[in-house]
């Protein structure tokens, strides 16, 4: 029996192991350096209150990924369940949960996320409605409209992220809602970021898409295609995304796969033919172990992968590119509070009438926080007592070793609380307790040596039995479903004994990839 060593037990790694077990006779061994599965999509349990690291909606245009979700966690709820959970308090138990949902795995959730700017709420993505017009004022709206018309007739060459955004939103709207927040996320001006980030994350969104969506809704016209950022409902495991990956882990183990936790990959062995024969890792006791490998599927950061390859497999230029690839790190402060000071002036019904947002983009320039998650609105099961407390996550984008990253947990929690008091989200003394989570290399960045990444990618592809999968494995700002899809493509390549790895790298690079390519693939079958 051949062996595939899979580095990382995140969405891509667990999916790869499952696909190998279901479709091949290759034995998968996952090496995970942490003590918990799920990667960035894990769920952290703090005294019965669960934290989603970054917010992960279970929505995809890929039939293959959807079928995998359904096969692992098949019991999904009806949309009406959302109303019962959040709108009919008498039906709920003392913790704010519905007894009728105990056997439900996936909840059907309503997507609400807004921008907090000028201490006012704006829809996200920015939409054309009376609230937007009232908050911005006639002068700003007119200026933005003229700026957008100018952008329509004077397109910029899309060399930078600023070019990409101005072409789709106009300069005034870009400066109001995108420039400052993007700099907060990446630590750099959009002028210094590659346009590739836009093509990955907001490729289908523009003023044109917003206007089209507005008129289709107003005229009750059927929408044939819905951009990911415009969806209104999504599935969500009632105990957070980590619940799904724990179920997937159990499936992998039940089918005979291996998962070795606290196993940090440190090296590879192989010959001059650039074929990996074994993977070296450091176990939880600090001892170096070696495992034979016929195939390697890597979701570890490309920077670390390149450093672990045998000497001479990459030339000096590629090694330098990999060594200097940029990343943004991530911190979440989970705060348990008695209430929020924000008022719910929407038509959405919620427990205790808290604001209905899953997350809020914080555009206020006087604070460093990037986003605010309200876990009660993702699922009441995420909160130990959702009737009497609100469990929130404050998301900060930082760099390993900087002032934020280096703060002691108690100092960071105090700092996070003060920021929310400053922008009137909390009152002083509202916090009962808190928890801090650090995530290294959470966001592969598109600046610096990233411009030379295509050359490095070609060199990695010359290693015949190496397949780069997942967000960090491809240094690409993928969503969860895209990461899973790269694993599915890698297993297909192994099955077909194909040396052309282009399908692996093409995931999430074309605007209609999931819809068009999927149909082509099914017709070929």
Protein backbone atom coordinates (compact mmCIF):
# COMPACT_ATOMS: atom_id res chain seq x y z
CA UNK A 1 0.00 0.00 0.00
CA UNK A 2 1.27 3.45 -0.91
CA UNK A 3 1.34 6.24 1.65
CA UNK A 4 0.40 9.89 1.31
CA UNK A 5 1.75 12.21 4.00
CA UNK A 6 -0.52 15.20 4.46
CA UNK A 7 0.87 18.22 6.28
CA UNK A 8 -1.82 20.02 8.27
CA UNK A 9 -5.21 18.99 9.66
CA UNK A 10 -7.10 22.05 8.47
CA UNK A 11 -9.88 22.12 5.83
CA UNK A 12 -7.53 21.11 3.00
CA UNK A 13 -5.59 18.43 4.89
CA UNK A 14 -8.62 16.65 6.35
CA UNK A 15 -10.42 16.81 3.00
CA UNK A 16 -7.41 15.31 1.22
CA UNK A 17 -7.23 12.41 3.68
CA UNK A 18 -10.95 11.73 3.36
CA UNK A 19 -10.86 11.83 -0.45
CA UNK A 20 -7.89 9.45 -0.56
CA UNK A 21 -9.66 6.99 1.72
CA UNK A 22 -12.91 7.10 -0.25
CA UNK A 23 -11.51 7.09 -3.79
CA UNK A 24 -8.13 5.34 -3.64
CA UNK A 25 -6.25 2.59 -1.80
CA UNK A 26 -3.56 5.05 -0.68
CA UNK A 27 -3.04 5.27 3.08
CA UNK A 28 -3.09 8.88 4.40
CA UNK A 29 -1.07 10.06 7.38
CA UNK A 30 -1.78 13.60 8.57
CA UNK A 31 0.92 15.49 10.47
CA UNK A 32 -0.59 18.37 12.48
CA UNK A 33 1.71 20.55 14.54
CA UNK A 34 -1.09 21.77 16.82
CA UNK A 35 -3.23 19.87 19.31
CA UNK A 36 -6.54 20.76 17.62
CA UNK A 37 -7.87 20.16 14.10
CA UNK A 38 -9.46 22.72 11.81
CA UNK A 39 -6.59 25.16 11.25
CA UNK A 40 -7.90 28.70 10.88
CA UNK A 41 -11.43 27.20 10.74
CA UNK A 42 -11.19 25.69 14.22
CA UNK A 43 -13.55 26.52 17.05
CA UNK A 44 -12.00 27.44 20.40
CA UNK A 45 -14.01 26.50 23.50
CA UNK A 46 -13.53 28.87 26.43
CA UNK A 47 -15.53 27.72 29.44
CA UNK A 48 -18.53 26.74 27.31
CA UNK A 49 -18.35 29.82 25.07
CA UNK A 50 -17.11 28.99 21.58
CA UNK A 51 -15.04 31.23 19.32
CA UNK A 52 -14.95 31.05 15.54
CA UNK A 53 -11.54 32.32 14.39
CA UNK A 54 -12.41 34.79 11.66
CA UNK A 55 -15.98 33.79 10.86
CA UNK A 56 -16.64 30.88 8.45
CA UNK A 57 -19.85 30.65 6.48
CA UNK A 58 -20.70 27.30 4.94
CA UNK A 59 -21.64 28.56 1.50
CA UNK A 60 -20.13 27.36 -1.77
CA UNK A 61 -20.71 27.29 -5.51
CA UNK A 62 -18.87 23.97 -5.74
CA UNK A 63 -21.15 20.93 -5.88
CA UNK A 64 -18.28 18.70 -4.78
CA UNK A 65 -17.66 20.68 -1.61
CA UNK A 66 -21.38 20.94 -0.87
CA UNK A 67 -21.77 17.18 -1.27
CA UNK A 68 -18.87 16.64 1.13
CA UNK A 69 -20.45 18.91 3.74
CA UNK A 70 -23.77 17.12 3.36
CA UNK A 71 -22.22 13.66 3.59
CA UNK A 72 -20.28 14.41 6.77
CA UNK A 73 -23.02 16.39 8.55
CA UNK A 74 -26.23 15.47 6.71
CA UNK A 75 -28.85 16.82 9.08
CA UNK A 76 -29.65 20.38 7.98
CA UNK A 77 -32.40 22.62 9.25
CA UNK A 78 -35.16 24.41 7.39
CA UNK A 79 -34.84 28.19 6.98
CA UNK A 80 -37.79 28.71 9.33
CA UNK A 81 -35.68 27.35 12.19
CA UNK A 82 -33.74 30.60 12.16
CA UNK A 83 -36.90 32.51 13.07
CA UNK A 84 -37.74 30.09 15.89
CA UNK A 85 -34.24 30.32 17.35
CA UNK A 86 -34.04 34.09 17.30
CA UNK A 87 -37.58 35.39 17.27
CA UNK A 88 -39.81 33.30 19.52
CA UNK A 89 -38.41 33.46 23.02
CA UNK A 90 -41.22 31.37 24.65
CA UNK A 91 -40.12 28.34 22.61
CA UNK A 92 -36.56 28.48 23.96
CA UNK A 93 -35.04 26.86 27.02
CA UNK A 94 -33.40 28.98 29.77
CA UNK A 95 -30.11 29.06 27.85
CA UNK A 96 -31.79 30.48 24.74
CA UNK A 97 -31.86 27.23 22.76
CA UNK A 98 -34.69 25.43 21.04
CA UNK A 99 -35.34 21.85 22.27
CA UNK A 100 -36.52 20.93 18.77
CA UNK A 101 -33.02 21.57 17.37
CA UNK A 102 -31.09 19.03 19.44
CA UNK A 103 -30.74 16.64 16.50
CA UNK A 104 -29.96 19.41 14.02
CA UNK A 105 -26.32 19.71 13.00
CA UNK A 106 -26.34 22.55 10.47
CA UNK A 107 -28.35 25.67 11.22
CA UNK A 108 -29.67 27.80 8.38
CA UNK A 109 -28.57 31.33 9.25
CA UNK A 110 -29.40 34.76 7.98
CA UNK A 111 -26.38 36.73 6.88
CA UNK A 112 -26.22 40.19 8.38
CA UNK A 113 -22.94 42.12 8.40
CA UNK A 114 -22.55 45.86 8.36
CA UNK A 115 -19.93 48.60 8.49
CA UNK A 116 -19.63 50.85 11.53
CA UNK A 117 -18.38 54.21 10.28
CA UNK A 118 -18.95 57.72 11.64
CA UNK A 119 -20.65 55.87 14.53
CA UNK A 120 -23.37 54.84 12.07
CA UNK A 121 -24.25 51.54 10.42
CA UNK A 122 -23.84 50.95 6.68
CA UNK A 123 -24.72 47.75 4.84
CA UNK A 124 -21.86 45.50 3.78
CA UNK A 125 -21.35 45.23 0.89
CA UNK A 126 -22.36 48.87 0.51
CA UNK A 127 -25.87 48.92 -0.91
CA UNK A 128 -28.14 51.55 -2.35
CA UNK A 129 -30.88 52.14 0.22
CA UNK A 130 -32.39 55.01 2.23
CA UNK A 131 -30.12 54.32 5.21
CA UNK A 132 -26.97 54.68 3.11
CA UNK A 133 -28.26 57.89 1.52
CA UNK A 134 -29.28 59.34 4.89
CA UNK A 135 -26.01 58.43 6.63
CA UNK A 136 -23.78 59.79 3.88
CA UNK A 137 -25.85 62.84 3.00
CA UNK A 138 -26.77 64.19 -0.41
CA UNK A 139 -23.44 65.92 -1.01
CA UNK A 140 -21.34 62.78 -0.35
CA UNK A 141 -23.72 60.60 -2.39
CA UNK A 142 -23.58 62.97 -5.36
CA UNK A 143 -19.79 63.16 -5.16
CA UNK A 144 -19.52 59.35 -5.05
CA UNK A 145 -21.91 58.96 -7.98
CA UNK A 146 -19.91 61.36 -10.14
CA UNK A 147 -16.67 59.68 -9.09
CA UNK A 148 -18.07 56.28 -10.10
CA UNK A 149 -19.19 57.58 -13.50
CA UNK A 150 -15.70 58.98 -14.03
CA UNK A 151 -14.21 55.56 -13.18
CA UNK A 152 -16.54 53.89 -15.71
CA UNK A 153 -15.10 55.92 -18.56
CA UNK A 154 -11.50 56.22 -17.37
CA UNK A 155 -10.37 52.74 -16.40
CA UNK A 156 -6.99 52.38 -14.72
CA UNK A 157 -4.53 49.64 -15.65
CA UNK A 158 -4.99 47.22 -12.75
CA UNK A 159 -1.50 47.01 -11.33
CA UNK A 160 -2.41 47.62 -7.69
CA UNK A 161 -5.31 46.88 -5.38
CA UNK A 162 -6.17 50.58 -5.42
CA UNK A 163 -6.54 50.43 -9.21
CA UNK A 164 -8.77 47.36 -8.89
CA UNK A 165 -11.08 49.00 -6.34
CA UNK A 166 -11.27 52.44 -7.97
CA UNK A 167 -12.27 50.81 -11.26
CA UNK A 168 -15.21 49.09 -9.55
CA UNK A 169 -16.32 51.67 -6.98
CA UNK A 170 -14.96 55.05 -8.01
CA UNK A 171 -12.31 56.98 -6.13
CA UNK A 172 -14.60 58.65 -3.55
CA UNK A 173 -16.35 55.46 -2.43
CA UNK A 174 -12.99 53.66 -2.38
CA UNK A 175 -11.49 56.35 -0.14
CA UNK A 176 -14.50 56.28 2.21
CA UNK A 177 -15.02 52.57 2.75
CA UNK A 178 -12.00 50.63 1.46
CA UNK A 179 -8.72 52.51 1.72
CA UNK A 180 -8.43 52.87 5.51
CA UNK A 181 -9.83 49.43 6.34
CA UNK A 182 -7.58 47.68 3.82
CA UNK A 183 -4.55 49.42 5.31
CA UNK A 184 -5.70 48.29 8.76
CA UNK A 185 -5.90 44.67 7.57
CA UNK A 186 -2.63 44.51 5.64
CA UNK A 187 -0.54 47.19 7.30
CA UNK A 188 0.08 48.76 3.89
CA UNK A 189 -1.68 51.16 1.57
CA UNK A 190 -3.65 49.54 -1.28
CA UNK A 191 -1.24 51.42 -3.55
CA UNK A 192 1.40 48.94 -2.45
CA UNK A 193 -0.71 45.78 -2.72
CA UNK A 194 -1.18 43.54 -5.74
CA UNK A 195 -4.50 43.60 -7.60
CA UNK A 196 -4.54 39.81 -7.15
CA UNK A 197 -6.10 40.27 -3.70
CA UNK A 198 -9.13 41.89 -5.28
CA UNK A 199 -9.47 39.15 -7.88
CA UNK A 200 -9.47 36.58 -5.06
CA UNK A 201 -11.83 38.24 -2.59
CA UNK A 202 -14.10 40.80 -4.27
CA UNK A 203 -13.91 39.83 -7.93
CA UNK A 204 -17.68 39.80 -8.47
CA UNK A 205 -18.56 42.88 -6.43
CA UNK A 206 -18.81 46.39 -7.87
CA UNK A 207 -21.22 49.31 -7.96
CA UNK A 208 -22.70 47.67 -11.05
CA UNK A 209 -23.33 44.43 -9.13
CA UNK A 210 -24.85 46.38 -6.21
CA UNK A 211 -27.19 48.30 -8.54
CA UNK A 212 -28.17 45.12 -10.37
CA UNK A 213 -28.92 43.40 -7.07
CA UNK A 214 -30.97 46.41 -5.90
CA UNK A 215 -33.19 46.52 -9.00
CA UNK A 216 -33.65 42.74 -9.13
CA UNK A 217 -34.90 42.79 -5.55
CA UNK A 218 -37.08 45.86 -6.11
CA UNK A 219 -38.69 44.33 -9.21
CA UNK A 220 -38.80 40.80 -7.71
CA UNK A 221 -36.74 39.38 -10.56
CA UNK A 222 -35.10 35.99 -10.15
CA UNK A 223 -31.36 36.16 -9.62
CA UNK A 224 -29.58 33.50 -11.63
CA UNK A 225 -26.22 34.16 -10.05
CA UNK A 226 -25.50 35.44 -6.54
CA UNK A 227 -22.05 36.71 -5.63
CA UNK A 228 -20.64 35.24 -2.43
CA UNK A 229 -20.57 38.64 -0.72
CA UNK A 230 -24.28 39.21 -1.51
CA UNK A 231 -25.75 35.95 -0.19
CA UNK A 232 -28.50 36.30 2.41
CA UNK A 233 -28.47 32.84 4.02
CA UNK A 234 -25.79 30.29 4.76
CA UNK A 235 -25.36 27.04 6.69
CA UNK A 236 -23.45 26.95 9.95
CA UNK A 237 -22.70 24.09 12.37
CA UNK A 238 -24.51 24.86 15.61
CA UNK A 239 -21.31 24.49 17.64
CA UNK A 240 -19.14 26.36 15.14
CA UNK A 241 -17.06 25.29 12.13
CA UNK A 242 -14.75 23.26 14.33
CA UNK A 243 -17.63 20.84 14.88
CA UNK A 244 -17.57 19.96 11.17
CA UNK A 245 -13.82 19.37 11.15
CA UNK A 246 -14.03 17.25 14.27
CA UNK A 247 -16.65 15.13 12.48
CA UNK A 248 -14.42 14.95 9.39
CA UNK A 249 -11.49 13.93 11.61
CA UNK A 250 -13.57 11.12 13.08
CA UNK A 251 -14.55 9.96 9.57
CA UNK A 252 -10.89 9.87 8.52
CA UNK A 253 -9.93 7.85 11.59
CA UNK A 254 -12.93 5.55 11.17
CA UNK A 255 -11.94 4.79 7.58
CA UNK A 256 -8.42 3.81 8.66
CA UNK A 257 -6.48 7.05 8.20
CA UNK A 258 -3.88 8.29 10.68
CA UNK A 259 -3.65 11.71 12.31
CA UNK A 260 -0.55 12.51 14.34
CA UNK A 261 -1.07 15.59 16.50
CA UNK A 262 1.72 17.83 17.85
CA UNK A 263 3.77 16.73 14.83
CA UNK A 264 5.76 19.65 13.41
CA UNK A 265 7.15 18.97 9.93
CA UNK A 266 10.83 19.95 9.79
CA UNK A 267 12.31 18.30 6.69
CA UNK A 268 12.12 15.98 3.69
CA UNK A 269 14.36 13.35 2.14
CA UNK A 270 14.65 12.51 -1.54
CA UNK A 271 16.98 11.97 -4.45
CA UNK A 272 18.31 14.08 -7.30
CA UNK A 273 15.13 13.32 -9.26
CA UNK A 274 13.24 15.64 -6.90
CA UNK A 275 10.96 12.92 -5.63
CA UNK A 276 10.20 13.03 -1.89
CA UNK A 277 10.76 9.68 -0.19
CA UNK A 278 10.12 10.58 3.47
CA UNK A 279 8.96 13.38 5.74
CA UNK A 280 10.73 14.32 8.96
CA UNK A 281 8.78 15.75 11.88
CA UNK A 282 9.29 16.65 15.52
CA UNK A 283 6.81 14.94 17.82
CA UNK A 284 5.26 16.26 21.02
CA UNK A 285 8.22 15.05 23.07
CA UNK A 286 10.72 16.88 20.87
CA UNK A 287 12.01 13.74 19.16
CA UNK A 288 12.62 13.64 15.39
CA UNK A 289 10.52 11.04 13.59
CA UNK A 290 10.55 9.87 9.98
CA UNK A 291 7.62 8.62 7.91
CA UNK A 292 7.81 7.11 4.41
CA UNK A 293 5.98 9.04 1.72
CA UNK A 294 4.92 8.14 -1.82
CA UNK A 295 2.98 11.40 -2.06
CA UNK A 296 3.09 14.62 -0.04
CA UNK A 297 0.16 17.03 0.15
CA UNK A 298 1.30 20.17 1.92
CA UNK A 299 -0.88 22.84 3.49
CA UNK A 300 2.01 24.26 5.53
CA UNK A 301 3.13 27.80 4.77
CA UNK A 302 5.13 27.95 1.52
CA UNK A 303 7.82 29.86 3.42
CA UNK A 304 8.29 26.92 5.82
CA UNK A 305 7.91 24.30 3.10
CA UNK A 306 10.71 25.79 1.02
CA UNK A 307 13.03 25.99 4.04
CA UNK A 308 12.44 22.28 4.79
CA UNK A 309 13.15 20.96 1.27
CA UNK A 310 16.48 19.22 0.55
CA UNK A 311 19.39 21.43 -0.38
CA UNK A 312 19.57 22.22 -4.09
CA UNK A 313 15.91 21.54 -4.90
CA UNK A 314 15.24 25.28 -5.16
CA UNK A 315 17.68 27.81 -6.57
CA UNK A 316 18.79 30.87 -4.62
CA UNK A 317 16.21 33.16 -6.24
CA UNK A 318 13.30 30.88 -5.31
CA UNK A 319 14.64 30.34 -1.79
CA UNK A 320 14.86 34.10 -1.29
CA UNK A 321 11.32 34.59 -2.62
CA UNK A 322 9.97 31.96 -0.23
CA UNK A 323 11.95 33.20 2.75
CA UNK A 324 10.57 36.75 2.36
CA UNK A 325 6.95 35.91 1.49
CA UNK A 326 4.76 38.28 3.55
CA UNK A 327 2.02 37.26 5.97
CA UNK A 328 -0.34 39.03 8.34
CA UNK A 329 -0.96 37.49 11.72
CA UNK A 330 -4.20 37.59 13.63
CA UNK A 331 -5.44 38.01 17.18
CA UNK A 332 -8.93 37.58 18.58
CA UNK A 333 -10.06 38.82 21.96
CA UNK A 334 -13.17 36.99 23.13
CA UNK A 335 -15.17 39.10 25.58
CA UNK A 336 -18.17 37.89 27.55
CA UNK A 337 -20.39 40.92 28.29
CA UNK A 338 -23.78 41.49 29.86
CA UNK A 339 -24.98 43.65 26.96
CA UNK A 340 -23.97 45.84 24.03
CA UNK A 341 -24.68 49.55 23.84
CA UNK A 342 -25.54 49.27 20.13
CA UNK A 343 -29.26 49.50 19.44
CA UNK A 344 -31.15 47.24 17.06
CA UNK A 345 -33.00 49.57 14.70
CA UNK A 346 -33.39 46.93 11.99
CA UNK A 347 -36.36 44.72 11.10
CA UNK A 348 -34.36 41.64 12.18
CA UNK A 349 -35.64 39.96 15.36
CA UNK A 350 -32.98 38.78 17.79
CA UNK A 351 -32.75 37.40 21.31
CA UNK A 352 -32.69 40.28 23.80
CA UNK A 353 -32.96 42.60 20.78
CA UNK A 354 -29.19 42.79 20.29
CA UNK A 355 -28.00 44.02 16.89
CA UNK A 356 -28.43 41.18 14.34
CA UNK A 357 -24.96 41.25 12.78
CA UNK A 358 -22.80 38.14 12.49
CA UNK A 359 -19.87 40.49 12.26
CA UNK A 360 -19.36 44.24 12.03
CA UNK A 361 -16.55 45.85 10.03
CA UNK A 362 -15.09 48.60 12.20
CA UNK A 363 -14.09 51.51 9.96
CA UNK A 364 -13.69 54.02 12.80
CA UNK A 365 -10.18 55.49 12.37
CA UNK A 366 -9.59 56.08 16.11
CA UNK A 367 -9.37 52.34 16.94
CA UNK A 368 -7.24 49.44 15.73
CA UNK A 369 -9.92 46.74 15.83
CA UNK A 370 -10.78 45.44 12.36
CA UNK A 371 -13.95 43.40 12.87
CA UNK A 372 -16.33 42.55 15.66
CA UNK A 373 -18.02 39.15 15.74
CA UNK A 374 -21.22 38.54 17.70
CA UNK A 375 -21.22 34.79 18.28
CA UNK A 376 -24.83 34.76 19.58
CA UNK A 377 -25.92 35.59 16.03
CA UNK A 378 -23.87 32.85 14.39
CA UNK A 379 -25.51 30.30 16.67
CA UNK A 380 -27.00 30.53 20.17
CA UNK A 381 -25.27 27.20 20.84
CA UNK A 382 -21.92 29.04 20.67
CA UNK A 383 -22.79 30.85 23.91
CA UNK A 384 -23.09 29.20 27.31
CA UNK A 385 -25.97 31.49 28.31
CA UNK A 386 -27.24 33.31 25.24
CA UNK A 387 -30.28 34.76 27.01
CA UNK A 388 -28.29 36.70 29.59
CA UNK A 389 -24.85 37.29 28.04
CA UNK A 390 -23.36 38.37 24.72
CA UNK A 391 -20.18 36.63 23.55
CA UNK A 392 -18.16 38.76 21.11
CA UNK A 393 -14.86 38.44 19.27
CA UNK A 394 -12.65 41.44 18.54
CA UNK A 395 -10.42 40.78 15.54
CA UNK A 396 -7.04 42.46 15.14
CA UNK A 397 -4.67 42.20 12.20
CA UNK A 398 -1.07 42.43 13.29
CA UNK A 399 2.48 41.20 12.79
CA UNK A 400 4.15 38.58 14.93
CA UNK A 401 6.39 40.43 17.37
CA UNK A 402 4.73 43.86 17.08
CA UNK A 403 3.25 45.78 20.03
CA UNK A 404 -0.19 44.14 19.81
CA UNK A 405 1.16 40.61 19.37
CA UNK A 406 3.56 41.01 22.28
CA UNK A 407 0.98 42.23 24.80
CA UNK A 408 0.24 40.06 27.80
CA UNK A 409 -3.23 38.56 27.55
CA UNK A 410 -4.64 40.59 30.43
CA UNK A 411 -3.27 43.82 28.92
CA UNK A 412 -4.65 42.98 25.49
CA UNK A 413 -8.11 42.22 26.90
CA UNK A 414 -8.09 45.53 28.76
CA UNK A 415 -6.98 47.34 25.59
CA UNK A 416 -9.71 45.64 23.51
CA UNK A 417 -12.39 46.60 26.04
CA UNK A 418 -11.22 50.23 26.04
CA UNK A 419 -11.44 50.37 22.24
CA UNK A 420 -15.09 49.30 22.27
CA UNK A 421 -15.87 51.77 25.05
CA UNK A 422 -14.26 54.52 22.96
CA UNK A 423 -16.60 53.89 20.00
CA UNK A 424 -19.67 53.37 22.23
CA UNK A 425 -20.10 49.64 21.59
CA UNK A 426 -19.66 48.81 25.29
CA UNK A 427 -20.02 50.71 28.52
CA UNK A 428 -17.14 50.59 30.97
CA UNK A 429 -17.38 47.57 33.26
CA UNK A 430 -19.53 45.47 30.89
CA UNK A 431 -16.91 42.71 30.47
CA UNK A 432 -17.27 39.64 32.68
CA UNK A 433 -14.29 37.64 31.39
CA UNK A 434 -12.21 37.16 28.26
CA UNK A 435 -9.88 34.95 26.27
CA UNK A 436 -7.12 35.65 23.70
CA UNK A 437 -6.21 33.56 20.64
CA UNK A 438 -3.10 34.13 18.48
CA UNK A 439 -2.98 32.78 14.90
CA UNK A 440 0.33 32.97 13.01
CA UNK A 441 0.36 33.38 9.22
CA UNK A 442 -3.43 33.72 9.10
CA UNK A 443 -3.37 35.85 5.95
CA UNK A 444 -0.95 35.24 3.07
CA UNK A 445 -0.18 38.75 1.80
CA UNK A 446 0.12 40.05 -1.77
CA UNK A 447 3.08 42.41 -1.68
CA UNK A 448 6.86 42.30 -1.47
CA UNK A 449 8.35 39.08 -2.87
CA UNK A 450 4.88 37.81 -3.78
CA UNK A 451 5.47 39.34 -7.23
CA UNK A 452 7.95 36.50 -7.85
CA UNK A 453 5.65 33.78 -6.58
CA UNK A 454 4.73 32.40 -10.07
CA UNK A 455 8.35 31.44 -10.59
CA UNK A 456 8.50 29.75 -7.17
CA UNK A 457 5.24 27.94 -7.94
CA UNK A 458 6.72 26.51 -11.14
CA UNK A 459 9.77 25.27 -9.21
CA UNK A 460 7.60 23.58 -6.57
CA UNK A 461 5.63 21.86 -9.34
CA UNK A 462 8.84 20.19 -10.56
CA UNK A 463 8.80 18.10 -7.37
CA UNK A 464 6.78 15.31 -8.93
CA UNK A 465 5.00 13.92 -5.85
CA UNK A 466 4.42 17.23 -4.02
CA UNK A 467 0.97 18.87 -4.11
CA UNK A 468 0.46 22.30 -2.54
CA UNK A 469 -3.05 22.68 -1.10
CA UNK A 470 -5.00 25.08 1.10
CA UNK A 471 -4.62 28.75 1.91
CA UNK A 472 -1.06 28.70 3.21
CA UNK A 473 -0.03 25.81 0.99
CA UNK A 474 -0.71 27.97 -2.08
CA UNK A 475 -0.07 31.37 -0.45
CA UNK A 476 -3.50 32.41 -1.59
CA UNK A 477 -6.24 34.20 0.35
CA UNK A 478 -8.77 31.41 -0.22
CA UNK A 479 -12.09 30.84 1.46
CA UNK A 480 -12.66 27.59 3.33
CA UNK A 481 -14.43 25.91 0.40
CA UNK A 482 -11.64 26.86 -2.00
CA UNK A 483 -9.09 25.24 0.31
CA UNK A 484 -11.16 22.05 0.38
CA UNK A 485 -11.46 22.13 -3.40
CA UNK A 486 -7.66 22.28 -3.83
CA UNK A 487 -7.47 19.03 -1.83
CA UNK A 488 -10.07 17.40 -4.07
CA UNK A 489 -8.11 18.46 -7.16
CA UNK A 490 -4.85 17.12 -5.71
CA UNK A 491 -6.40 13.70 -5.12
CA UNK A 492 -7.75 13.71 -8.68
CA UNK A 493 -4.23 14.37 -9.99
CA UNK A 494 -2.88 11.47 -7.93
CA UNK A 495 -5.66 9.19 -9.18
CA UNK A 496 -4.99 10.13 -12.80
CA UNK A 497 -1.20 10.04 -12.34
CA UNK A 498 -1.13 13.48 -13.95
CA UNK A 499 1.97 15.67 -13.85
CA UNK A 500 0.07 18.79 -14.96
CA UNK A 501 -0.79 20.55 -11.71
CA UNK A 502 -2.50 23.57 -13.28
CA UNK A 503 -5.98 22.49 -12.15
CA UNK A 504 -4.69 22.56 -8.57
CA UNK A 505 -3.57 26.19 -8.86
CA UNK A 506 -6.58 27.31 -10.90
CA UNK A 507 -9.00 26.99 -8.01
CA UNK A 508 -10.42 30.44 -7.23
CA UNK A 509 -8.53 32.22 -10.00
CA UNK A 510 -11.36 32.59 -12.52
CA UNK A 511 -14.52 34.55 -11.75
CA UNK A 512 -16.86 31.72 -12.73
CA UNK A 513 -14.55 28.82 -11.92
CA UNK A 514 -16.88 26.88 -9.67
CA UNK A 515 -19.87 27.18 -12.00
CA UNK A 516 -18.29 26.73 -15.43
CA UNK A 517 -15.42 24.35 -14.75
CA UNK A 518 -17.66 22.16 -12.63
CA UNK A 519 -20.11 21.71 -15.51
CA UNK A 520 -17.28 20.89 -17.91
CA UNK A 521 -15.88 18.30 -15.53
CA UNK A 522 -19.25 16.62 -15.01
CA UNK A 523 -19.90 16.50 -18.76
CA UNK A 524 -16.52 14.81 -19.27
CA UNK A 525 -17.49 12.15 -16.75
